């Protein structure tokens, strides 16, 4: 009995310590569709921060990013938490600081999407009926946009170097595609309706928060997909896989890391934080660094 209680205490203490560790994982992505102008182009992926802070004002996270000195930053969603203030928040302060030095492309996760949806539903209601997260959502978007951050809410941008191009798209699927149990099936025409048709001769980088639809992203035309969301299945078996996804699926296939199919790739971030009662164990927060090469 005492042994079990002691073991539970040790695991709990380690989980509390571990959530403040910060590891960096580096990937090299090669493609014949990448031109020499984009050789050595690098970017950072921020995902699933959930308003966590590594040191005061995210000092430790900022130091790591600045040391890596990426060309730009991709935000793969869930920087904030639903039902919490968007401003002030650790996520807002971090992004404002980073925007002074880096170009940032921000795609929504299910938490941003939840707040956006509730906000739209309550636009016609008295302001006192809107909770704090929704009352600051518009300000969050407006102030970060004013800082130069580009929000890719089912939108795309073309990054150009000399005569070479990369297309960066951010997809926002409906919340039903995040449902517990069996998630809704994603149709190829649905993605095309949201994002438009692929461009065959341009390297396509897709930011898609939920990684479980990797095959569908490939069918749409993604050369590289950037995802998060699963937090490595919350509890990760040491040196093995995540155990349980937010969709209540045991041992999710695309839990974290690098995946390849038909010459197309997906990088799934372990995420930087957690929320509500979600628990990280043997699963330290992760900053992702990606370099491109022809």
C-alpha atoms as a PDB file:
ATOM      1  CA  UNK A   1       0.000   0.000   0.000  1.00  0.00           C
ATOM      2  CA  UNK A   2       2.770   2.431   0.994  1.00  0.00           C
ATOM      3  CA  UNK A   3       4.743   1.383  -2.083  1.00  0.00           C
ATOM      4  CA  UNK A   4       1.836   2.199  -4.413  1.00  0.00           C
ATOM      5  CA  UNK A   5       1.206   5.532  -2.698  1.00  0.00           C
ATOM      6  CA  UNK A   6       4.900   6.386  -2.945  1.00  0.00           C
ATOM      7  CA  UNK A   7       5.008   5.417  -6.613  1.00  0.00           C
ATOM      8  CA  UNK A   8       1.990   7.614  -7.388  1.00  0.00           C
ATOM      9  CA  UNK A   9       3.642  10.523  -5.557  1.00  0.00           C
ATOM     10  CA  UNK A  10       6.896  10.086  -7.478  1.00  0.00           C
ATOM     11  CA  UNK A  11       5.079   9.925 -10.827  1.00  0.00           C
ATOM     12  CA  UNK A  12       3.028  13.032  -9.975  1.00  0.00           C
ATOM     13  CA  UNK A  13       6.126  14.992  -8.944  1.00  0.00           C
ATOM     14  CA  UNK A  14       7.957  13.928 -12.094  1.00  0.00           C
ATOM     15  CA  UNK A  15       5.016  14.994 -14.272  1.00  0.00           C
ATOM     16  CA  UNK A  16       5.064  18.438 -12.632  1.00  0.00           C
ATOM     17  CA  UNK A  17       8.803  18.745 -13.239  1.00  0.00           C
ATOM     18  CA  UNK A  18       8.607  17.391 -16.768  1.00  0.00           C
ATOM     19  CA  UNK A  19       6.032  19.930 -17.979  1.00  0.00           C
ATOM     20  CA  UNK A  20       8.641  22.651 -17.449  1.00  0.00           C
ATOM     21  CA  UNK A  21      11.388  20.871 -19.373  1.00  0.00           C
ATOM     22  CA  UNK A  22      11.877  22.006 -22.957  1.00  0.00           C
ATOM     23  CA  UNK A  23      13.403  19.850 -25.678  1.00  0.00           C
ATOM     24  CA  UNK A  24      14.189  20.765 -29.298  1.00  0.00           C
ATOM     25  CA  UNK A  25      13.696  18.308 -32.150  1.00  0.00           C
ATOM     26  CA  UNK A  26      15.259  19.050 -35.539  1.00  0.00           C
ATOM     27  CA  UNK A  27      14.129  17.761 -38.937  1.00  0.00           C
ATOM     28  CA  UNK A  28      15.542  18.070 -42.452  1.00  0.00           C
ATOM     29  CA  UNK A  29      12.885  18.068 -45.181  1.00  0.00           C
ATOM     30  CA  UNK A  30      14.014  17.448 -48.763  1.00  0.00           C
ATOM     31  CA  UNK A  31      11.949  17.697 -51.920  1.00  0.00           C
ATOM     32  CA  UNK A  32      12.586  17.956 -55.641  1.00  0.00           C
ATOM     33  CA  UNK A  33       9.891  20.655 -55.679  1.00  0.00           C
ATOM     34  CA  UNK A  34      12.060  22.903 -53.509  1.00  0.00           C
ATOM     35  CA  UNK A  35      14.352  25.180 -55.497  1.00  0.00           C
ATOM     36  CA  UNK A  36      17.892  26.157 -54.539  1.00  0.00           C
ATOM     37  CA  UNK A  37      16.688  29.579 -53.374  1.00  0.00           C
ATOM     38  CA  UNK A  38      15.020  27.838 -50.434  1.00  0.00           C
ATOM     39  CA  UNK A  39      18.079  25.764 -49.510  1.00  0.00           C
ATOM     40  CA  UNK A  40      18.830  26.192 -45.802  1.00  0.00           C
ATOM     41  CA  UNK A  41      15.512  27.961 -45.205  1.00  0.00           C
ATOM     42  CA  UNK A  42      14.411  27.083 -41.680  1.00  0.00           C
ATOM     43  CA  UNK A  43      11.389  27.600 -39.490  1.00  0.00           C
ATOM     44  CA  UNK A  44      10.139  26.892 -35.984  1.00  0.00           C
ATOM     45  CA  UNK A  45       6.850  25.172 -35.175  1.00  0.00           C
ATOM     46  CA  UNK A  46       4.913  26.313 -32.115  1.00  0.00           C
ATOM     47  CA  UNK A  47       1.958  24.115 -31.214  1.00  0.00           C
ATOM     48  CA  UNK A  48      -0.309  23.454 -28.237  1.00  0.00           C
ATOM     49  CA  UNK A  49       1.228  25.998 -25.887  1.00  0.00           C
ATOM     50  CA  UNK A  50      -2.116  26.319 -24.077  1.00  0.00           C
ATOM     51  CA  UNK A  51      -0.919  29.508 -22.393  1.00  0.00           C
ATOM     52  CA  UNK A  52       1.974  27.749 -20.657  1.00  0.00           C
ATOM     53  CA  UNK A  53       5.075  29.774 -19.824  1.00  0.00           C
ATOM     54  CA  UNK A  54       8.661  28.567 -19.643  1.00  0.00           C
ATOM     55  CA  UNK A  55      10.022  31.031 -17.147  1.00  0.00           C
ATOM     56  CA  UNK A  56       8.736  34.555 -16.654  1.00  0.00           C
ATOM     57  CA  UNK A  57       7.236  35.869 -19.909  1.00  0.00           C
ATOM     58  CA  UNK A  58       8.413  32.669 -21.636  1.00  0.00           C
ATOM     59  CA  UNK A  59      12.028  33.777 -21.305  1.00  0.00           C
ATOM     60  CA  UNK A  60      13.434  30.258 -21.752  1.00  0.00           C
ATOM     61  CA  UNK A  61      11.346  29.528 -24.836  1.00  0.00           C
ATOM     62  CA  UNK A  62      12.285  32.855 -26.426  1.00  0.00           C
ATOM     63  CA  UNK A  63      15.976  32.193 -25.778  1.00  0.00           C
ATOM     64  CA  UNK A  64      15.783  28.816 -27.532  1.00  0.00           C
ATOM     65  CA  UNK A  65      13.983  30.264 -30.537  1.00  0.00           C
ATOM     66  CA  UNK A  66      16.411  33.156 -30.882  1.00  0.00           C
ATOM     67  CA  UNK A  67      19.380  30.798 -30.653  1.00  0.00           C
ATOM     68  CA  UNK A  68      17.971  28.739 -33.541  1.00  0.00           C
ATOM     69  CA  UNK A  69      17.276  31.965 -35.486  1.00  0.00           C
ATOM     70  CA  UNK A  70      14.654  30.631 -37.937  1.00  0.00           C
ATOM     71  CA  UNK A  71      13.612  32.418 -41.112  1.00  0.00           C
ATOM     72  CA  UNK A  72       9.975  32.324 -40.025  1.00  0.00           C
ATOM     73  CA  UNK A  73       7.631  30.715 -37.495  1.00  0.00           C
ATOM     74  CA  UNK A  74       4.661  28.408 -38.024  1.00  0.00           C
ATOM     75  CA  UNK A  75       1.940  28.306 -35.353  1.00  0.00           C
ATOM     76  CA  UNK A  76       0.031  25.022 -35.598  1.00  0.00           C
ATOM     77  CA  UNK A  77      -2.814  25.950 -33.250  1.00  0.00           C
ATOM     78  CA  UNK A  78      -3.960  25.806 -29.625  1.00  0.00           C
ATOM     79  CA  UNK A  79      -1.741  28.585 -28.337  1.00  0.00           C
ATOM     80  CA  UNK A  80      -4.624  29.656 -26.069  1.00  0.00           C
ATOM     81  CA  UNK A  81      -7.290  27.831 -24.056  1.00  0.00           C
ATOM     82  CA  UNK A  82     -11.001  27.952 -24.621  1.00  0.00           C
ATOM     83  CA  UNK A  83     -12.940  29.579 -21.751  1.00  0.00           C
ATOM     84  CA  UNK A  84      -9.868  31.604 -20.740  1.00  0.00           C
ATOM     85  CA  UNK A  85      -8.863  35.164 -21.538  1.00  0.00           C
ATOM     86  CA  UNK A  86      -7.034  35.663 -24.812  1.00  0.00           C
ATOM     87  CA  UNK A  87      -5.685  38.989 -23.521  1.00  0.00           C
ATOM     88  CA  UNK A  88      -3.779  39.142 -21.285  1.00  0.00           C
ATOM     89  CA  UNK A  89      -2.291  35.685 -21.765  1.00  0.00           C
ATOM     90  CA  UNK A  90       1.109  34.035 -21.997  1.00  0.00           C
ATOM     91  CA  UNK A  91       0.426  33.161 -25.631  1.00  0.00           C
ATOM     92  CA  UNK A  92      -0.409  36.731 -26.588  1.00  0.00           C
ATOM     93  CA  UNK A  93       2.694  38.181 -24.920  1.00  0.00           C
ATOM     94  CA  UNK A  94       4.935  35.532 -26.492  1.00  0.00           C
ATOM     95  CA  UNK A  95       3.572  36.093 -29.994  1.00  0.00           C
ATOM     96  CA  UNK A  96       3.792  39.867 -29.701  1.00  0.00           C
ATOM     97  CA  UNK A  97       7.443  39.591 -28.702  1.00  0.00           C
ATOM     98  CA  UNK A  98       8.294  37.121 -31.478  1.00  0.00           C
ATOM     99  CA  UNK A  99       6.496  39.219 -34.107  1.00  0.00           C
ATOM    100  CA  UNK A 100       9.038  42.006 -33.579  1.00  0.00           C
ATOM    101  CA  UNK A 101      11.750  39.737 -34.999  1.00  0.00           C
ATOM    102  CA  UNK A 102      10.099  37.006 -37.093  1.00  0.00           C
ATOM    103  CA  UNK A 103       7.370  36.576 -39.672  1.00  0.00           C
ATOM    104  CA  UNK A 104       4.682  34.360 -38.138  1.00  0.00           C
ATOM    105  CA  UNK A 105       2.025  32.300 -39.923  1.00  0.00           C
ATOM    106  CA  UNK A 106      -0.732  31.250 -37.536  1.00  0.00           C
ATOM    107  CA  UNK A 107      -3.304  28.507 -38.238  1.00  0.00           C
ATOM    108  CA  UNK A 108      -6.108  27.701 -35.815  1.00  0.00           C
ATOM    109  CA  UNK A 109      -6.379  24.695 -33.527  1.00  0.00           C
ATOM    110  CA  UNK A 110      -9.614  23.452 -32.014  1.00  0.00           C
ATOM    111  CA  UNK A 111      -9.295  25.828 -29.027  1.00  0.00           C
ATOM    112  CA  UNK A 112      -9.048  28.939 -31.227  1.00  0.00           C
ATOM    113  CA  UNK A 113     -11.804  27.565 -33.392  1.00  0.00           C
ATOM    114  CA  UNK A 114     -14.059  26.925 -30.403  1.00  0.00           C
ATOM    115  CA  UNK A 115     -13.691  30.540 -29.246  1.00  0.00           C
ATOM    116  CA  UNK A 116     -14.229  31.837 -32.781  1.00  0.00           C
ATOM    117  CA  UNK A 117     -17.400  29.784 -33.180  1.00  0.00           C
ATOM    118  CA  UNK A 118     -18.874  30.807 -29.832  1.00  0.00           C
ATOM    119  CA  UNK A 119     -18.037  34.422 -30.550  1.00  0.00           C
ATOM    120  CA  UNK A 120     -19.916  34.334 -33.853  1.00  0.00           C
ATOM    121  CA  UNK A 121     -22.914  32.689 -32.199  1.00  0.00           C
ATOM    122  CA  UNK A 122     -23.068  35.384 -29.507  1.00  0.00           C
ATOM    123  CA  UNK A 123     -22.591  38.451 -31.668  1.00  0.00           C
ATOM    124  CA  UNK A 124     -26.265  39.324 -31.344  1.00  0.00           C
ATOM    125  CA  UNK A 125     -26.378  38.840 -27.567  1.00  0.00           C
ATOM    126  CA  UNK A 126     -25.719  41.462 -24.854  1.00  0.00           C
ATOM    127  CA  UNK A 127     -22.008  41.870 -24.110  1.00  0.00           C
ATOM    128  CA  UNK A 128     -22.476  40.683 -20.492  1.00  0.00           C
ATOM    129  CA  UNK A 129     -23.502  37.253 -21.768  1.00  0.00           C
ATOM    130  CA  UNK A 130     -20.151  36.713 -23.510  1.00  0.00           C
ATOM    131  CA  UNK A 131     -17.459  35.076 -21.349  1.00  0.00           C
ATOM    132  CA  UNK A 132     -13.953  36.503 -20.945  1.00  0.00           C
ATOM    133  CA  UNK A 133     -12.313  34.409 -23.659  1.00  0.00           C
ATOM    134  CA  UNK A 134     -14.800  35.566 -26.282  1.00  0.00           C
ATOM    135  CA  UNK A 135     -14.796  39.188 -25.165  1.00  0.00           C
ATOM    136  CA  UNK A 136     -11.050  39.379 -25.850  1.00  0.00           C
ATOM    137  CA  UNK A 137     -10.949  37.183 -28.976  1.00  0.00           C
ATOM    138  CA  UNK A 138     -11.434  40.005 -31.481  1.00  0.00           C
ATOM    139  CA  UNK A 139      -8.794  42.107 -29.727  1.00  0.00           C
ATOM    140  CA  UNK A 140      -6.406  39.116 -29.785  1.00  0.00           C
ATOM    141  CA  UNK A 141      -6.782  38.745 -33.553  1.00  0.00           C
ATOM    142  CA  UNK A 142      -6.671  42.466 -34.296  1.00  0.00           C
ATOM    143  CA  UNK A 143      -3.627  43.243 -32.164  1.00  0.00           C
ATOM    144  CA  UNK A 144      -1.614  40.266 -33.400  1.00  0.00           C
ATOM    145  CA  UNK A 145      -2.540  41.101 -37.001  1.00  0.00           C
ATOM    146  CA  UNK A 146      -1.361  44.664 -36.363  1.00  0.00           C
ATOM    147  CA  UNK A 147       1.920  43.163 -35.126  1.00  0.00           C
ATOM    148  CA  UNK A 148       2.408  41.574 -38.551  1.00  0.00           C
ATOM    149  CA  UNK A 149       1.203  38.044 -37.791  1.00  0.00           C
ATOM    150  CA  UNK A 150      -0.598  36.399 -40.724  1.00  0.00           C
ATOM    151  CA  UNK A 151      -3.613  34.284 -39.765  1.00  0.00           C
ATOM    152  CA  UNK A 152      -4.269  31.421 -42.176  1.00  0.00           C
ATOM    153  CA  UNK A 153      -7.896  30.553 -41.475  1.00  0.00           C
ATOM    154  CA  UNK A 154      -8.582  28.471 -44.586  1.00  0.00           C
ATOM    155  CA  UNK A 155      -6.272  30.802 -46.447  1.00  0.00           C
ATOM    156  CA  UNK A 156      -2.912  30.545 -48.215  1.00  0.00           C
ATOM    157  CA  UNK A 157       0.076  32.766 -48.861  1.00  0.00           C
ATOM    158  CA  UNK A 158       2.849  32.454 -51.432  1.00  0.00           C
ATOM    159  CA  UNK A 159       6.392  32.869 -50.096  1.00  0.00           C
ATOM    160  CA  UNK A 160       8.737  34.015 -52.859  1.00  0.00           C
ATOM    161  CA  UNK A 161      12.516  34.060 -53.157  1.00  0.00           C
ATOM    162  CA  UNK A 162      13.706  35.350 -56.518  1.00  0.00           C
ATOM    163  CA  UNK A 163      11.650  33.255 -58.954  1.00  0.00           C
ATOM    164  CA  UNK A 164      10.998  30.337 -56.564  1.00  0.00           C
ATOM    165  CA  UNK A 165       7.841  29.881 -54.517  1.00  0.00           C
ATOM    166  CA  UNK A 166       6.414  27.974 -51.554  1.00  0.00           C
ATOM    167  CA  UNK A 167       2.707  27.917 -50.784  1.00  0.00           C
ATOM    168  CA  UNK A 168       1.769  27.913 -47.094  1.00  0.00           C
ATOM    169  CA  UNK A 169      -1.848  27.083 -46.236  1.00  0.00           C
ATOM    170  CA  UNK A 170      -3.715  26.814 -42.961  1.00  0.00           C
ATOM    171  CA  UNK A 171      -6.828  24.650 -42.791  1.00  0.00           C
ATOM    172  CA  UNK A 172      -9.632  25.097 -40.250  1.00  0.00           C
ATOM    173  CA  UNK A 173     -11.915  22.075 -40.313  1.00  0.00           C
ATOM    174  CA  UNK A 174     -15.203  22.071 -38.440  1.00  0.00           C
ATOM    175  CA  UNK A 175     -15.198  20.989 -34.798  1.00  0.00           C
ATOM    176  CA  UNK A 176     -16.975  17.730 -35.597  1.00  0.00           C
ATOM    177  CA  UNK A 177     -13.645  16.505 -36.980  1.00  0.00           C
ATOM    178  CA  UNK A 178     -12.216  16.678 -33.465  1.00  0.00           C
ATOM    179  CA  UNK A 179     -14.996  14.621 -31.875  1.00  0.00           C
ATOM    180  CA  UNK A 180     -14.355  11.933 -29.255  1.00  0.00           C
ATOM    181  CA  UNK A 181     -14.748   8.366 -30.359  1.00  0.00           C
ATOM    182  CA  UNK A 182     -14.968   8.008 -34.129  1.00  0.00           C
ATOM    183  CA  UNK A 183     -14.089  11.285 -35.799  1.00  0.00           C
ATOM    184  CA  UNK A 184     -16.004  12.285 -38.918  1.00  0.00           C
ATOM    185  CA  UNK A 185     -14.616  11.167 -42.249  1.00  0.00           C
ATOM    186  CA  UNK A 186     -12.833  13.905 -44.164  1.00  0.00           C
ATOM    187  CA  UNK A 187     -13.635  14.080 -47.881  1.00  0.00           C
ATOM    188  CA  UNK A 188     -11.124  15.305 -50.466  1.00  0.00           C
ATOM    189  CA  UNK A 189     -13.638  17.750 -51.949  1.00  0.00           C
ATOM    190  CA  UNK A 190     -14.177  19.237 -48.483  1.00  0.00           C
ATOM    191  CA  UNK A 191     -10.516  20.291 -48.243  1.00  0.00           C
ATOM    192  CA  UNK A 192     -10.605  21.629 -51.780  1.00  0.00           C
ATOM    193  CA  UNK A 193     -13.665  23.699 -50.910  1.00  0.00           C
ATOM    194  CA  UNK A 194     -11.853  25.174 -47.908  1.00  0.00           C
ATOM    195  CA  UNK A 195      -8.425  25.720 -49.466  1.00  0.00           C
ATOM    196  CA  UNK A 196      -8.912  25.686 -53.208  1.00  0.00           C
ATOM    197  CA  UNK A 197      -7.081  23.419 -55.616  1.00  0.00           C
ATOM    198  CA  UNK A 198      -3.440  22.453 -55.162  1.00  0.00           C
ATOM    199  CA  UNK A 199      -0.741  23.990 -57.348  1.00  0.00           C
ATOM    200  CA  UNK A 200       1.277  21.144 -58.823  1.00  0.00           C
ATOM    201  CA  UNK A 201       4.548  22.976 -59.426  1.00  0.00           C
ATOM    202  CA  UNK A 202       4.802  24.692 -56.037  1.00  0.00           C
ATOM    203  CA  UNK A 203       5.970  23.058 -52.799  1.00  0.00           C
ATOM    204  CA  UNK A 204       2.849  22.947 -50.606  1.00  0.00           C
ATOM    205  CA  UNK A 205       3.227  23.331 -46.854  1.00  0.00           C
ATOM    206  CA  UNK A 206      -0.042  22.673 -45.044  1.00  0.00           C
ATOM    207  CA  UNK A 207      -0.696  23.589 -41.409  1.00  0.00           C
ATOM    208  CA  UNK A 208      -3.394  21.210 -40.192  1.00  0.00           C
ATOM    209  CA  UNK A 209      -3.812  20.996 -36.423  1.00  0.00           C
ATOM    210  CA  UNK A 210      -5.341  17.519 -36.361  1.00  0.00           C
ATOM    211  CA  UNK A 211      -2.911  14.902 -37.772  1.00  0.00           C
ATOM    212  CA  UNK A 212      -5.307  11.962 -38.025  1.00  0.00           C
ATOM    213  CA  UNK A 213      -6.269  12.969 -41.577  1.00  0.00           C
ATOM    214  CA  UNK A 214      -2.741  12.693 -43.005  1.00  0.00           C
ATOM    215  CA  UNK A 215      -3.856  10.620 -46.009  1.00  0.00           C
ATOM    216  CA  UNK A 216      -6.571  13.143 -46.850  1.00  0.00           C
ATOM    217  CA  UNK A 217      -4.059  16.004 -46.660  1.00  0.00           C
ATOM    218  CA  UNK A 218      -1.811  14.121 -49.083  1.00  0.00           C
ATOM    219  CA  UNK A 219      -4.717  13.490 -51.460  1.00  0.00           C
ATOM    220  CA  UNK A 220      -5.466  17.219 -51.436  1.00  0.00           C
ATOM    221  CA  UNK A 221      -1.862  17.983 -52.396  1.00  0.00           C
ATOM    222  CA  UNK A 222       0.218  18.651 -49.273  1.00  0.00           C
ATOM    223  CA  UNK A 223       3.946  17.966 -49.681  1.00  0.00           C
ATOM    224  CA  UNK A 224       4.621  18.691 -46.010  1.00  0.00           C
ATOM    225  CA  UNK A 225       1.955  18.764 -43.309  1.00  0.00           C
ATOM    226  CA  UNK A 226       2.576  20.383 -39.912  1.00  0.00           C
ATOM    227  CA  UNK A 227       0.328  19.166 -37.081  1.00  0.00           C
ATOM    228  CA  UNK A 228      -0.013  18.921 -33.316  1.00  0.00           C
ATOM    229  CA  UNK A 229      -3.133  18.370 -31.214  1.00  0.00           C
ATOM    230  CA  UNK A 230      -2.500  14.835 -29.906  1.00  0.00           C
ATOM    231  CA  UNK A 231       0.094  15.816 -27.270  1.00  0.00           C
ATOM    232  CA  UNK A 232       1.749  12.433 -28.063  1.00  0.00           C
ATOM    233  CA  UNK A 233      -1.319  10.722 -26.710  1.00  0.00           C
ATOM    234  CA  UNK A 234      -1.001  12.503 -23.351  1.00  0.00           C
ATOM    235  CA  UNK A 235       0.798   9.681 -21.507  1.00  0.00           C
ATOM    236  CA  UNK A 236       3.708   8.273 -23.469  1.00  0.00           C
ATOM    237  CA  UNK A 237       5.250   4.917 -22.720  1.00  0.00           C
ATOM    238  CA  UNK A 238       9.014   5.473 -22.307  1.00  0.00           C
ATOM    239  CA  UNK A 239      10.788   5.022 -25.667  1.00  0.00           C
ATOM    240  CA  UNK A 240       7.505   3.867 -27.229  1.00  0.00           C
ATOM    241  CA  UNK A 241       4.225   5.503 -28.294  1.00  0.00           C
ATOM    242  CA  UNK A 242       1.486   7.669 -26.882  1.00  0.00           C
ATOM    243  CA  UNK A 243      -1.243   5.750 -25.069  1.00  0.00           C
ATOM    244  CA  UNK A 244      -4.450   7.777 -25.441  1.00  0.00           C
ATOM    245  CA  UNK A 245      -5.434  10.556 -27.836  1.00  0.00           C
ATOM    246  CA  UNK A 246      -7.814  13.462 -27.089  1.00  0.00           C
ATOM    247  CA  UNK A 247     -10.290  11.578 -29.309  1.00  0.00           C
ATOM    248  CA  UNK A 248     -10.162   8.734 -26.751  1.00  0.00           C
ATOM    249  CA  UNK A 249      -8.259   6.444 -29.100  1.00  0.00           C
ATOM    250  CA  UNK A 250      -5.623   4.146 -27.643  1.00  0.00           C
ATOM    251  CA  UNK A 251      -2.177   4.246 -29.256  1.00  0.00           C
ATOM    252  CA  UNK A 252      -2.967   6.845 -31.932  1.00  0.00           C
ATOM    253  CA  UNK A 253      -1.121   6.181 -35.179  1.00  0.00           C
ATOM    254  CA  UNK A 254       0.144   9.720 -35.750  1.00  0.00           C
ATOM    255  CA  UNK A 255       1.074  10.501 -32.153  1.00  0.00           C
ATOM    256  CA  UNK A 256       4.260  12.542 -32.693  1.00  0.00           C
ATOM    257  CA  UNK A 257       7.334  12.780 -34.870  1.00  0.00           C
ATOM    258  CA  UNK A 258       7.903  12.238 -38.571  1.00  0.00           C
ATOM    259  CA  UNK A 259       5.615  10.281 -40.886  1.00  0.00           C
ATOM    260  CA  UNK A 260       6.023   9.543 -44.607  1.00  0.00           C
ATOM    261  CA  UNK A 261       3.684   8.190 -47.236  1.00  0.00           C
ATOM    262  CA  UNK A 262       3.987   8.250 -51.028  1.00  0.00           C
ATOM    263  CA  UNK A 263       6.909  10.651 -50.797  1.00  0.00           C
ATOM    264  CA  UNK A 264       4.899  13.158 -48.734  1.00  0.00           C
ATOM    265  CA  UNK A 265       5.714  13.920 -45.114  1.00  0.00           C
ATOM    266  CA  UNK A 266       4.060  15.070 -41.906  1.00  0.00           C
ATOM    267  CA  UNK A 267       5.710  16.421 -38.771  1.00  0.00           C
ATOM    268  CA  UNK A 268       3.576  16.145 -35.634  1.00  0.00           C
ATOM    269  CA  UNK A 269       4.667  18.283 -32.695  1.00  0.00           C
ATOM    270  CA  UNK A 270       4.481  16.885 -29.176  1.00  0.00           C
ATOM    271  CA  UNK A 271       3.238  20.312 -28.136  1.00  0.00           C
ATOM    272  CA  UNK A 272       4.478  22.799 -25.584  1.00  0.00           C
ATOM    273  CA  UNK A 273       1.801  22.666 -22.898  1.00  0.00           C
ATOM    274  CA  UNK A 274      -1.380  21.063 -21.690  1.00  0.00           C
ATOM    275  CA  UNK A 275      -4.818  22.123 -20.502  1.00  0.00           C
ATOM    276  CA  UNK A 276      -7.640  21.279 -18.105  1.00  0.00           C
ATOM    277  CA  UNK A 277      -6.919  17.871 -16.554  1.00  0.00           C
ATOM    278  CA  UNK A 278      -4.803  16.619 -19.448  1.00  0.00           C
ATOM    279  CA  UNK A 279      -1.650  15.031 -18.135  1.00  0.00           C
ATOM    280  CA  UNK A 280       1.859  14.855 -19.659  1.00  0.00           C
ATOM    281  CA  UNK A 281       3.989  11.911 -18.540  1.00  0.00           C
ATOM    282  CA  UNK A 282       7.270  10.768 -20.107  1.00  0.00           C
ATOM    283  CA  UNK A 283       6.383  13.405 -22.669  1.00  0.00           C
ATOM    284  CA  UNK A 284       8.422  16.618 -22.250  1.00  0.00           C
ATOM    285  CA  UNK A 285       7.293  19.758 -24.124  1.00  0.00           C
ATOM    286  CA  UNK A 286       8.802  20.087 -27.584  1.00  0.00           C
ATOM    287  CA  UNK A 287      10.007  22.910 -29.806  1.00  0.00           C
ATOM    288  CA  UNK A 288      10.235  21.782 -33.458  1.00  0.00           C
ATOM    289  CA  UNK A 289      12.886  23.120 -35.842  1.00  0.00           C
ATOM    290  CA  UNK A 290      12.663  22.303 -39.570  1.00  0.00           C
ATOM    291  CA  UNK A 291      15.153  23.029 -42.326  1.00  0.00           C
ATOM    292  CA  UNK A 292      14.276  22.742 -46.021  1.00  0.00           C
ATOM    293  CA  UNK A 293      16.579  21.403 -48.727  1.00  0.00           C
ATOM    294  CA  UNK A 294      16.245  20.657 -52.431  1.00  0.00           C
END
